[in-house]
Amino acid sequence: MSVKSVSIRIEEEMLEKLAFVADYEGRSINSHILVLIRENIKAYEKEYGEIDGTINPAVNVKPTRKI
């Protein structure tokens, strides 16, 4: 499996809030974004059916830190 890099444009305030939430969850911003993507894919597949492919959306995602 190859890992790709994606660049996004994001408003500074939104990035700061995302960093706050990621830190609260014990994750880096990158890991938190991967969690959000994984949850979005899971919700999509629940509603519309599984997307063909062999990649597990949980790959490269650190577990949630329990407080």
PDB file of N, CA and C in Angstrom:
ATOM      1  N   MET A   1       0.846  -1.173   0.000  1.00  0.00           N
ATOM      2  CA  MET A   1       0.000   0.000   0.000  1.00  0.00           C
ATOM      3  C   MET A   1       0.892   1.237   0.000  1.00  0.00           C
ATOM      4  N   SER A   2       0.593   2.158  -0.877  1.00  0.00           N
ATOM      5  CA  SER A   2       1.331   3.414  -0.864  1.00  0.00           C
ATOM      6  C   SER A   2       0.518   4.465  -0.132  1.00  0.00           C
ATOM      7  N   VAL A   3       1.209   5.364   0.503  1.00  0.00           N
ATOM      8  CA  VAL A   3       0.557   6.446   1.240  1.00  0.00           C
ATOM      9  C   VAL A   3       0.760   7.722   0.441  1.00  0.00           C
ATOM     10  N   LYS A   4      -0.313   8.422   0.198  1.00  0.00           N
ATOM     11  CA  LYS A   4      -0.264   9.659  -0.585  1.00  0.00           C
ATOM     12  C   LYS A   4      -0.401  10.859   0.335  1.00  0.00           C
ATOM     13  N   SER A   5       0.088  11.982  -0.128  1.00  0.00           N
ATOM     14  CA  SER A   5      -0.001  13.235   0.604  1.00  0.00           C
ATOM     15  C   SER A   5      -1.021  14.133  -0.083  1.00  0.00           C
ATOM     16  N   VAL A   6      -1.830  14.839   0.719  1.00  0.00           N
ATOM     17  CA  VAL A   6      -2.836  15.749   0.191  1.00  0.00           C
ATOM     18  C   VAL A   6      -2.663  17.096   0.878  1.00  0.00           C
ATOM     19  N   SER A   7      -2.746  18.142   0.099  1.00  0.00           N
ATOM     20  CA  SER A   7      -2.658  19.492   0.641  1.00  0.00           C
ATOM     21  C   SER A   7      -4.035  20.138   0.568  1.00  0.00           C
ATOM     22  N   ILE A   8      -4.439  20.851   1.628  1.00  0.00           N
ATOM     23  CA  ILE A   8      -5.729  21.540   1.609  1.00  0.00           C
ATOM     24  C   ILE A   8      -5.546  22.997   2.013  1.00  0.00           C
ATOM     25  N   ARG A   9      -6.483  23.814   1.577  1.00  0.00           N
ATOM     26  CA  ARG A   9      -6.525  25.202   2.026  1.00  0.00           C
ATOM     27  C   ARG A   9      -7.574  25.266   3.121  1.00  0.00           C
ATOM     28  N   ILE A  10      -7.244  25.905   4.237  1.00  0.00           N
ATOM     29  CA  ILE A  10      -8.152  25.949   5.382  1.00  0.00           C
ATOM     30  C   ILE A  10      -7.996  27.299   6.086  1.00  0.00           C
ATOM     31  N   GLU A  11      -9.109  27.849   6.514  1.00  0.00           N
ATOM     32  CA  GLU A  11      -9.060  29.121   7.235  1.00  0.00           C
ATOM     33  C   GLU A  11      -8.308  28.924   8.551  1.00  0.00           C
ATOM     34  N   GLU A  12      -7.565  29.945   8.951  1.00  0.00           N
ATOM     35  CA  GLU A  12      -6.734  29.850  10.153  1.00  0.00           C
ATOM     36  C   GLU A  12      -7.552  29.497  11.386  1.00  0.00           C
ATOM     37  N   GLU A  13      -8.710  30.143  11.563  1.00  0.00           N
ATOM     38  CA  GLU A  13      -9.539  29.862  12.740  1.00  0.00           C
ATOM     39  C   GLU A  13     -10.005  28.404  12.751  1.00  0.00           C
ATOM     40  N   MET A  14     -10.384  27.886  11.584  1.00  0.00           N
ATOM     41  CA  MET A  14     -10.821  26.498  11.510  1.00  0.00           C
ATOM     42  C   MET A  14      -9.669  25.556  11.846  1.00  0.00           C
ATOM     43  N   LEU A  15      -8.467  25.865  11.368  1.00  0.00           N
ATOM     44  CA  LEU A  15      -7.295  25.050  11.671  1.00  0.00           C
ATOM     45  C   LEU A  15      -6.990  25.069  13.162  1.00  0.00           C
ATOM     46  N   GLU A  16      -7.101  26.238  13.780  1.00  0.00           N
ATOM     47  CA  GLU A  16      -6.861  26.339  15.223  1.00  0.00           C
ATOM     48  C   GLU A  16      -7.873  25.502  16.002  1.00  0.00           C
ATOM     49  N   LYS A  17      -9.133  25.553  15.590  1.00  0.00           N
ATOM     50  CA  LYS A  17     -10.162  24.757  16.268  1.00  0.00           C
ATOM     51  C   LYS A  17      -9.942  23.266  16.049  1.00  0.00           C
ATOM     52  N   LEU A  18      -9.541  22.901  14.831  1.00  0.00           N
ATOM     53  CA  LEU A  18      -9.240  21.503  14.541  1.00  0.00           C
ATOM     54  C   LEU A  18      -8.070  21.024  15.391  1.00  0.00           C
ATOM     55  N   ALA A  19      -7.056  21.865  15.537  1.00  0.00           N
ATOM     56  CA  ALA A  19      -5.904  21.520  16.375  1.00  0.00           C
ATOM     57  C   ALA A  19      -6.323  21.340  17.830  1.00  0.00           C
ATOM     58  N   PHE A  20      -7.236  22.181  18.302  1.00  0.00           N
ATOM     59  CA  PHE A  20      -7.727  22.082  19.677  1.00  0.00           C
ATOM     60  C   PHE A  20      -8.413  20.732  19.902  1.00  0.00           C
ATOM     61  N   VAL A  21      -9.317  20.375  18.973  1.00  0.00           N
ATOM     62  CA  VAL A  21     -10.051  19.105  19.098  1.00  0.00           C
ATOM     63  C   VAL A  21      -9.092  17.927  18.994  1.00  0.00           C
ATOM     64  N   ALA A  22      -8.163  17.989  18.040  1.00  0.00           N
ATOM     65  CA  ALA A  22      -7.195  16.907  17.869  1.00  0.00           C
ATOM     66  C   ALA A  22      -6.372  16.717  19.140  1.00  0.00           C
ATOM     67  N   ASP A  23      -5.918  17.818  19.718  1.00  0.00           N
ATOM     68  CA  ASP A  23      -5.138  17.749  20.952  1.00  0.00           C
ATOM     69  C   ASP A  23      -5.956  17.159  22.087  1.00  0.00           C
ATOM     70  N   TYR A  24      -7.206  17.566  22.186  1.00  0.00           N
ATOM     71  CA  TYR A  24      -8.101  17.035  23.227  1.00  0.00           C
ATOM     72  C   TYR A  24      -8.247  15.523  23.086  1.00  0.00           C
ATOM     73  N   GLU A  25      -8.302  15.054  21.845  1.00  0.00           N
ATOM     74  CA  GLU A  25      -8.438  13.620  21.577  1.00  0.00           C
ATOM     75  C   GLU A  25      -7.098  12.882  21.644  1.00  0.00           C
ATOM     76  N   GLY A  26      -6.013  13.624  21.865  1.00  0.00           N
ATOM     77  CA  GLY A  26      -4.694  13.003  21.968  1.00  0.00           C
ATOM     78  C   GLY A  26      -4.098  12.633  20.620  1.00  0.00           C
ATOM     79  N   ARG A  27      -4.464  13.382  19.597  1.00  0.00           N
ATOM     80  CA  ARG A  27      -3.985  13.080  18.259  1.00  0.00           C
ATOM     81  C   ARG A  27      -3.283  14.289  17.655  1.00  0.00           C
ATOM     82  N   SER A  28      -2.504  14.014  16.623  1.00  0.00           N
ATOM     83  CA  SER A  28      -1.988  15.095  15.784  1.00  0.00           C
ATOM     84  C   SER A  28      -3.138  15.536  14.875  1.00  0.00           C
ATOM     85  N   ILE A  29      -2.980  16.685  14.242  1.00  0.00           N
ATOM     86  CA  ILE A  29      -4.004  17.138  13.297  1.00  0.00           C
ATOM     87  C   ILE A  29      -4.138  16.112  12.172  1.00  0.00           C
ATOM     88  N   ASN A  30      -3.029  15.619  11.663  1.00  0.00           N
ATOM     89  CA  ASN A  30      -3.062  14.636  10.582  1.00  0.00           C
ATOM     90  C   ASN A  30      -3.838  13.388  10.989  1.00  0.00           C
ATOM     91  N   SER A  31      -3.540  12.848  12.158  1.00  0.00           N
ATOM     92  CA  SER A  31      -4.236  11.652  12.623  1.00  0.00           C
ATOM     93  C   SER A  31      -5.721  11.924  12.837  1.00  0.00           C
ATOM     94  N   HIS A  32      -6.040  13.114  13.337  1.00  0.00           N
ATOM     95  CA  HIS A  32      -7.441  13.449  13.562  1.00  0.00           C
ATOM     96  C   HIS A  32      -8.201  13.556  12.240  1.00  0.00           C
ATOM     97  N   ILE A  33      -7.576  14.142  11.238  1.00  0.00           N
ATOM     98  CA  ILE A  33      -8.211  14.229   9.923  1.00  0.00           C
ATOM     99  C   ILE A  33      -8.457  12.832   9.368  1.00  0.00           C
ATOM    100  N   LEU A  34      -7.524  11.919   9.565  1.00  0.00           N
ATOM    101  CA  LEU A  34      -7.717  10.544   9.112  1.00  0.00           C
ATOM    102  C   LEU A  34      -8.890   9.885   9.837  1.00  0.00           C
ATOM    103  N   VAL A  35      -9.051  10.172  11.127  1.00  0.00           N
ATOM    104  CA  VAL A  35     -10.197   9.651  11.876  1.00  0.00           C
ATOM    105  C   VAL A  35     -11.496  10.181  11.271  1.00  0.00           C
ATOM    106  N   LEU A  36     -11.545  11.471  10.982  1.00  0.00           N
ATOM    107  CA  LEU A  36     -12.744  12.073  10.396  1.00  0.00           C
ATOM    108  C   LEU A  36     -13.049  11.470   9.031  1.00  0.00           C
ATOM    109  N   ILE A  37     -12.028  11.251   8.231  1.00  0.00           N
ATOM    110  CA  ILE A  37     -12.221  10.632   6.916  1.00  0.00           C
ATOM    111  C   ILE A  37     -12.740   9.211   7.083  1.00  0.00           C
ATOM    112  N   ARG A  38     -12.136   8.457   7.994  1.00  0.00           N
ATOM    113  CA  ARG A  38     -12.577   7.077   8.239  1.00  0.00           C
ATOM    114  C   ARG A  38     -14.044   7.043   8.650  1.00  0.00           C
ATOM    115  N   GLU A  39     -14.443   7.940   9.555  1.00  0.00           N
ATOM    116  CA  GLU A  39     -15.838   7.988   9.999  1.00  0.00           C
ATOM    117  C   GLU A  39     -16.774   8.355   8.847  1.00  0.00           C
ATOM    118  N   ASN A  40     -16.321   9.258   7.970  1.00  0.00           N
ATOM    119  CA  ASN A  40     -17.136   9.653   6.820  1.00  0.00           C
ATOM    120  C   ASN A  40     -17.323   8.490   5.851  1.00  0.00           C
ATOM    121  N   ILE A  41     -16.257   7.754   5.584  1.00  0.00           N
ATOM    122  CA  ILE A  41     -16.350   6.591   4.701  1.00  0.00           C
ATOM    123  C   ILE A  41     -17.278   5.546   5.308  1.00  0.00           C
ATOM    124  N   LYS A  42     -17.138   5.294   6.596  1.00  0.00           N
ATOM    125  CA  LYS A  42     -17.986   4.314   7.281  1.00  0.00           C
ATOM    126  C   LYS A  42     -19.462   4.708   7.178  1.00  0.00           C
ATOM    127  N   ALA A  43     -19.775   5.986   7.390  1.00  0.00           N
ATOM    128  CA  ALA A  43     -21.162   6.469   7.291  1.00  0.00           C
ATOM    129  C   ALA A  43     -21.681   6.325   5.864  1.00  0.00           C
ATOM    130  N   TYR A  44     -20.844   6.656   4.889  1.00  0.00           N
ATOM    131  CA  TYR A  44     -21.236   6.529   3.488  1.00  0.00           C
ATOM    132  C   TYR A  44     -21.562   5.076   3.160  1.00  0.00           C
ATOM    133  N   GLU A  45     -20.656   4.175   3.551  1.00  0.00           N
ATOM    134  CA  GLU A  45     -20.856   2.760   3.245  1.00  0.00           C
ATOM    135  C   GLU A  45     -22.073   2.194   3.972  1.00  0.00           C
ATOM    136  N   LYS A  46     -22.360   2.694   5.144  1.00  0.00           N
ATOM    137  CA  LYS A  46     -23.550   2.238   5.877  1.00  0.00           C
ATOM    138  C   LYS A  46     -24.815   2.610   5.108  1.00  0.00           C
ATOM    139  N   GLU A  47     -24.824   3.791   4.514  1.00  0.00           N
ATOM    140  CA  GLU A  47     -26.012   4.259   3.791  1.00  0.00           C
ATOM    141  C   GLU A  47     -26.103   3.713   2.367  1.00  0.00           C
ATOM    142  N   TYR A  48     -24.965   3.625   1.676  1.00  0.00           N
ATOM    143  CA  TYR A  48     -24.991   3.299   0.252  1.00  0.00           C
ATOM    144  C   TYR A  48     -24.355   1.960  -0.107  1.00  0.00           C
ATOM    145  N   GLY A  49     -23.761   1.284   0.843  1.00  0.00           N
ATOM    146  CA  GLY A  49     -23.107   0.016   0.562  1.00  0.00           C
ATOM    147  C   GLY A  49     -21.596   0.167   0.487  1.00  0.00           C
ATOM    148  N   GLU A  50     -20.944  -0.963   0.650  1.00  0.00           N
ATOM    149  CA  GLU A  50     -19.481  -0.968   0.705  1.00  0.00           C
ATOM    150  C   GLU A  50     -18.857  -0.517  -0.612  1.00  0.00           C
ATOM    151  N   ILE A  51     -17.826   0.296  -0.510  1.00  0.00           N
ATOM    152  CA  ILE A  51     -17.052   0.739  -1.667  1.00  0.00           C
ATOM    153  C   ILE A  51     -16.029  -0.350  -1.957  1.00  0.00           C
ATOM    154  N   ASP A  52     -15.938  -0.770  -3.210  1.00  0.00           N
ATOM    155  CA  ASP A  52     -14.969  -1.800  -3.581  1.00  0.00           C
ATOM    156  C   ASP A  52     -13.547  -1.318  -3.319  1.00  0.00           C
ATOM    157  N   GLY A  53     -12.727  -2.206  -2.818  1.00  0.00           N
ATOM    158  CA  GLY A  53     -11.326  -1.880  -2.564  1.00  0.00           C
ATOM    159  C   GLY A  53     -10.787  -2.727  -1.433  1.00  0.00           C
ATOM    160  N   THR A  54      -9.482  -2.723  -1.307  1.00  0.00           N
ATOM    161  CA  THR A  54      -8.837  -3.548  -0.294  1.00  0.00           C
ATOM    162  C   THR A  54      -8.265  -2.732   0.851  1.00  0.00           C
ATOM    163  N   ILE A  55      -8.355  -1.402   0.778  1.00  0.00           N
ATOM    164  CA  ILE A  55      -7.779  -0.555   1.814  1.00  0.00           C
ATOM    165  C   ILE A  55      -8.724  -0.489   2.999  1.00  0.00           C
ATOM    166  N   ASN A  56      -8.188  -0.724   4.170  1.00  0.00           N
ATOM    167  CA  ASN A  56      -8.951  -0.598   5.407  1.00  0.00           C
ATOM    168  C   ASN A  56      -8.846   0.846   5.867  1.00  0.00           C
ATOM    169  N   PRO A  57      -9.979   1.574   5.959  1.00  0.00           N
ATOM    170  CA  PRO A  57      -9.904   2.987   6.349  1.00  0.00           C
ATOM    171  C   PRO A  57      -9.252   3.231   7.707  1.00  0.00           C
ATOM    172  N   ALA A  58      -9.138   2.210   8.543  1.00  0.00           N
ATOM    173  CA  ALA A  58      -8.546   2.378   9.869  1.00  0.00           C
ATOM    174  C   ALA A  58      -7.021   2.416   9.834  1.00  0.00           C
ATOM    175  N   VAL A  59      -6.422   2.131   8.692  1.00  0.00           N
ATOM    176  CA  VAL A  59      -4.962   2.132   8.583  1.00  0.00           C
ATOM    177  C   VAL A  59      -4.434   3.549   8.794  1.00  0.00           C
ATOM    178  N   ASN A  60      -3.311   3.654   9.479  1.00  0.00           N
ATOM    179  CA  ASN A  60      -2.637   4.932   9.733  1.00  0.00           C
ATOM    180  C   ASN A  60      -3.403   5.850  10.679  1.00  0.00           C
ATOM    181  N   VAL A  61      -4.219   5.303  11.515  1.00  0.00           N
ATOM    182  CA  VAL A  61      -4.967   6.121  12.463  1.00  0.00           C
ATOM    183  C   VAL A  61      -4.612   5.679  13.870  1.00  0.00           C
ATOM    184  N   LYS A  62      -4.131   6.619  14.647  1.00  0.00           N
ATOM    185  CA  LYS A  62      -3.800   6.312  16.036  1.00  0.00           C
ATOM    186  C   LYS A  62      -5.083   6.127  16.826  1.00  0.00           C
ATOM    187  N   PRO A  63      -5.101   5.235  17.807  1.00  0.00           N
ATOM    188  CA  PRO A  63      -6.304   5.060  18.615  1.00  0.00           C
ATOM    189  C   PRO A  63      -6.602   6.296  19.452  1.00  0.00           C
ATOM    190  N   THR A  64      -7.857   6.477  19.779  1.00  0.00           N
ATOM    191  CA  THR A  64      -8.287   7.596  20.593  1.00  0.00           C
ATOM    192  C   THR A  64      -7.694   7.484  21.999  1.00  0.00           C
ATOM    193  N   ARG A  65      -7.230   8.595  22.531  1.00  0.00           N
ATOM    194  CA  ARG A  65      -6.733   8.616  23.900  1.00  0.00           C
ATOM    195  C   ARG A  65      -7.937   8.762  24.825  1.00  0.00           C
ATOM    196  N   LYS A  66      -8.078   7.868  25.750  1.00  0.00           N
ATOM    197  CA  LYS A  66      -9.189   7.931  26.703  1.00  0.00           C
ATOM    198  C   LYS A  66      -8.784   8.777  27.897  1.00  0.00           C
ATOM    199  N   ILE A  67      -9.641   9.723  28.243  1.00  0.00           N
ATOM    200  CA  ILE A  67      -9.347  10.610  29.366  1.00  0.00           C
ATOM    201  C   ILE A  67     -10.171  10.215  30.562  1.00  0.00           C
TER     202      ILE A  67
END
